[in-house]
Amino acid sequence: MTKIRSTTVVGIYHNGEVCVGADGQATMDKHIAKSNVKKIRKLLDGKIVTGFAGSTADAFTLLERFEEKLNAYQSNMKRAAIELAKDWRKDQYLRKLEAMMVVANKDELLIISGTGDVLEPDNQIAAIGSGSMFAHAAALALKKHAPHLTAEEMVRESLNIAADICIYTNHNLVIEKPKA
């Protein structure tokens, strides 16, 4: 079975600003299947930004479930993520989904993992997907050595560095900030 690989998603909270971005590449075996996949979605009129990695169908299923939880818990992002994680661990169907999400509002940044965990990332950097380690390393260096940059500039540069190194990441970027 041909494995579809794709996605580098990075979110950064820096100097009171949150930003999430992703590349646009989906790779099937050794070939680029699509170069402009949109992996960033805005929820609640842009107050929450999500980025997803993994199987697209699985990611959209998780995204829909997350949005349902946001509506059920009065837009409380952390509570919605925890309730989604509880469902993920209990539900046999959800446990088989192969996807992860970075979710952010104006104050918080979380990773909802493929095992049903909710993580508040160290250093306020969240990275998932094929090129995540490259983007994460770049983001750490930028936060340490270029603190004058904005969160958006750091996300853009981290993704560009990952795209220069990772064959599963490209330079077709979508970058969003949650509304206040």
Protein backbone atom coordinates (compact mmCIF):
# COMPACT_ATOMS: atom_id res chain seq x y z
CA MET A 1 0.00 0.00 0.00
CA THR A 2 1.38 3.41 -0.98
CA LYS A 3 1.84 5.71 1.98
CA ILE A 4 0.82 9.33 1.61
CA ARG A 5 3.16 11.62 3.51
CA SER A 6 2.60 15.26 3.93
CA THR A 7 2.67 18.27 6.09
CA THR A 8 4.75 20.37 8.26
CA VAL A 9 2.72 22.44 10.68
CA VAL A 10 4.25 24.81 13.21
CA GLY A 11 2.65 27.11 15.76
CA ILE A 12 4.53 29.66 17.84
CA TYR A 13 3.49 31.81 20.77
CA HIS A 14 5.93 34.71 21.08
CA ASN A 15 5.70 38.14 22.70
CA GLY A 16 1.95 37.84 23.26
CA GLU A 17 1.23 36.76 19.68
CA VAL A 18 0.22 33.34 18.36
CA CYS A 19 0.61 32.19 14.77
CA VAL A 20 0.14 28.82 13.02
CA GLY A 21 1.37 27.88 9.57
CA ALA A 22 1.73 24.89 7.28
CA ASP A 23 3.26 23.98 3.97
CA GLY A 24 1.19 22.69 1.07
CA GLN A 25 2.79 19.41 0.02
CA ALA A 26 1.28 15.95 -0.05
CA THR A 27 3.60 13.18 -1.21
CA MET A 28 2.55 9.74 -2.42
CA ASP A 29 5.41 7.25 -2.30
CA LYS A 30 8.25 9.08 -4.09
CA HIS A 31 6.11 11.59 -5.94
CA ILE A 32 4.51 14.89 -5.08
CA ALA A 33 0.78 14.24 -5.29
CA LYS A 34 -0.29 17.82 -4.64
CA SER A 35 1.65 20.96 -3.86
CA ASN A 36 -1.03 23.33 -2.56
CA VAL A 37 -2.95 21.41 0.10
CA LYS A 38 -4.64 23.71 2.63
CA LYS A 39 -3.83 22.32 6.08
CA ILE A 40 -4.84 25.35 8.12
CA ARG A 41 -8.44 25.95 9.12
CA LYS A 42 -10.08 28.75 11.07
CA LEU A 43 -12.87 27.97 13.52
CA LEU A 44 -15.25 30.17 15.49
CA ASP A 45 -15.01 33.07 13.05
CA GLY A 46 -11.22 32.95 13.14
CA LYS A 47 -10.82 32.94 16.92
CA ILE A 48 -9.23 29.49 16.74
CA VAL A 49 -6.72 28.39 14.13
CA THR A 50 -5.96 24.71 13.55
CA GLY A 51 -3.30 22.95 11.53
CA PHE A 52 -3.48 19.25 10.84
CA ALA A 53 -1.13 16.47 9.82
CA GLY A 54 -1.74 12.88 8.86
CA SER A 55 -4.44 11.28 6.80
CA THR A 56 -6.63 14.03 5.36
CA ALA A 57 -9.91 12.19 5.91
CA ASP A 58 -8.90 11.38 9.48
CA ALA A 59 -7.80 14.97 10.09
CA PHE A 60 -11.14 16.32 8.87
CA THR A 61 -12.97 13.88 11.12
CA LEU A 62 -10.97 15.13 14.10
CA LEU A 63 -11.47 18.72 13.04
CA GLU A 64 -15.25 18.22 12.90
CA ARG A 65 -15.26 16.53 16.31
CA PHE A 66 -13.11 19.31 17.77
CA GLU A 67 -15.49 21.94 16.41
CA GLU A 68 -18.42 20.07 17.99
CA LYS A 69 -16.60 20.12 21.34
CA LEU A 70 -15.86 23.84 20.99
CA ASN A 71 -19.57 24.47 20.51
CA ALA A 72 -20.47 22.20 23.43
CA TYR A 73 -18.01 23.91 25.81
CA GLN A 74 -18.68 27.56 24.97
CA SER A 75 -15.52 28.00 22.83
CA ASN A 76 -13.21 26.90 25.67
CA MET A 77 -10.36 25.55 23.53
CA LYS A 78 -8.49 23.63 26.22
CA ARG A 79 -11.64 22.00 27.59
CA ALA A 80 -12.78 21.09 24.07
CA ALA A 81 -9.36 19.53 23.35
CA ILE A 82 -9.45 17.49 26.57
CA GLU A 83 -12.99 16.28 25.90
CA LEU A 84 -11.99 15.32 22.34
CA ALA A 85 -9.01 13.41 23.74
CA LYS A 86 -11.32 11.55 26.15
CA ASP A 87 -13.56 10.55 23.25
CA TRP A 88 -10.51 9.57 21.19
CA ARG A 89 -9.37 7.13 23.86
CA LYS A 90 -12.85 5.64 24.37
CA ASP A 91 -14.11 5.41 20.80
CA GLN A 92 -12.84 2.46 18.73
CA TYR A 93 -13.33 4.36 15.48
CA LEU A 94 -11.47 7.46 16.66
CA ARG A 95 -8.59 5.36 18.02
CA LYS A 96 -7.86 4.21 14.47
CA LEU A 97 -7.56 7.73 13.07
CA GLU A 98 -4.08 8.72 11.98
CA ALA A 99 -3.92 12.46 12.44
CA MET A 100 -2.68 15.20 14.75
CA MET A 101 -3.63 18.83 15.20
CA VAL A 102 -2.07 22.06 16.39
CA VAL A 103 -4.77 24.32 17.78
CA ALA A 104 -4.36 27.93 18.87
CA ASN A 105 -6.36 30.84 20.13
CA LYS A 106 -4.98 34.28 21.03
CA ASP A 107 -3.67 32.99 24.38
CA GLU A 108 -2.87 29.30 24.03
CA LEU A 109 -1.20 26.78 21.79
CA LEU A 110 -1.90 23.04 22.04
CA ILE A 111 -1.05 19.81 20.25
CA ILE A 112 -3.75 17.18 20.05
CA SER A 113 -1.76 14.03 19.39
CA GLY A 114 -2.51 10.90 17.41
CA THR A 115 -2.79 8.95 20.65
CA GLY A 116 -5.48 11.14 22.19
CA ASP A 117 -3.17 13.33 24.26
CA VAL A 118 -3.41 17.08 24.72
CA LEU A 119 0.01 18.69 25.04
CA GLU A 120 0.98 22.22 25.99
CA PRO A 121 4.28 22.41 24.14
CA ASP A 122 7.56 23.41 25.75
CA ASN A 123 9.00 26.75 24.68
CA GLN A 124 5.58 27.68 23.25
CA ILE A 125 6.40 25.97 19.97
CA ALA A 126 4.13 23.28 18.51
CA ALA A 127 5.26 21.30 15.48
CA ILE A 128 3.73 18.23 13.83
CA GLY A 129 4.12 16.34 10.59
CA SER A 130 6.89 15.04 8.40
CA GLY A 131 9.12 18.09 8.68
CA SER A 132 8.20 18.95 12.26
CA MET A 133 11.61 18.33 13.78
CA PHE A 134 13.26 20.65 11.25
CA ALA A 135 10.68 23.39 11.81
CA HIS A 136 10.82 22.93 15.58
CA ALA A 137 14.61 23.22 15.66
CA ALA A 138 14.49 26.35 13.50
CA ALA A 139 11.79 27.88 15.71
CA LEU A 140 13.84 27.21 18.86
CA ALA A 141 16.86 28.92 17.31
CA LEU A 142 14.78 31.89 16.17
CA LYS A 143 13.18 32.37 19.58
CA LYS A 144 16.61 32.25 21.21
CA HIS A 145 18.67 34.27 18.75
CA ALA A 146 16.14 36.52 17.01
CA PRO A 147 13.59 37.50 19.69
CA HIS A 148 12.86 40.75 17.83
CA LEU A 149 10.97 38.76 15.15
CA THR A 150 7.19 38.41 15.37
CA ALA A 151 5.52 35.03 15.83
CA GLU A 152 4.40 35.21 12.20
CA GLU A 153 7.92 35.87 10.96
CA MET A 154 9.22 32.97 13.05
CA VAL A 155 6.57 30.59 11.70
CA ARG A 156 7.32 31.62 8.11
CA GLU A 157 11.09 31.23 8.52
CA SER A 158 10.78 27.92 10.40
CA LEU A 159 8.64 26.48 7.61
CA ASN A 160 10.98 27.78 4.93
CA ILE A 161 13.96 26.20 6.68
CA ALA A 162 12.07 22.90 6.96
CA ALA A 163 11.17 23.10 3.26
CA ASP A 164 14.84 23.58 2.38
CA ILE A 165 15.73 20.35 4.23
CA CYS A 166 12.70 18.01 4.24
CA ILE A 167 11.60 16.37 0.98
CA TYR A 168 8.03 16.13 2.32
CA THR A 169 7.75 19.91 2.88
CA ASN A 170 7.43 22.71 0.31
CA HIS A 171 7.41 26.49 0.22
CA ASN A 172 3.65 26.89 -0.48
CA LEU A 173 2.80 28.28 2.93
CA VAL A 174 -0.46 29.21 4.61
CA ILE A 175 0.00 31.20 7.81
CA GLU A 176 -2.80 32.44 10.06
CA LYS A 177 -3.19 34.25 13.38
CA PRO A 178 -6.24 33.78 15.59
CA LYS A 179 -8.47 36.81 16.07
CA ALA A 180 -8.77 38.32 19.50
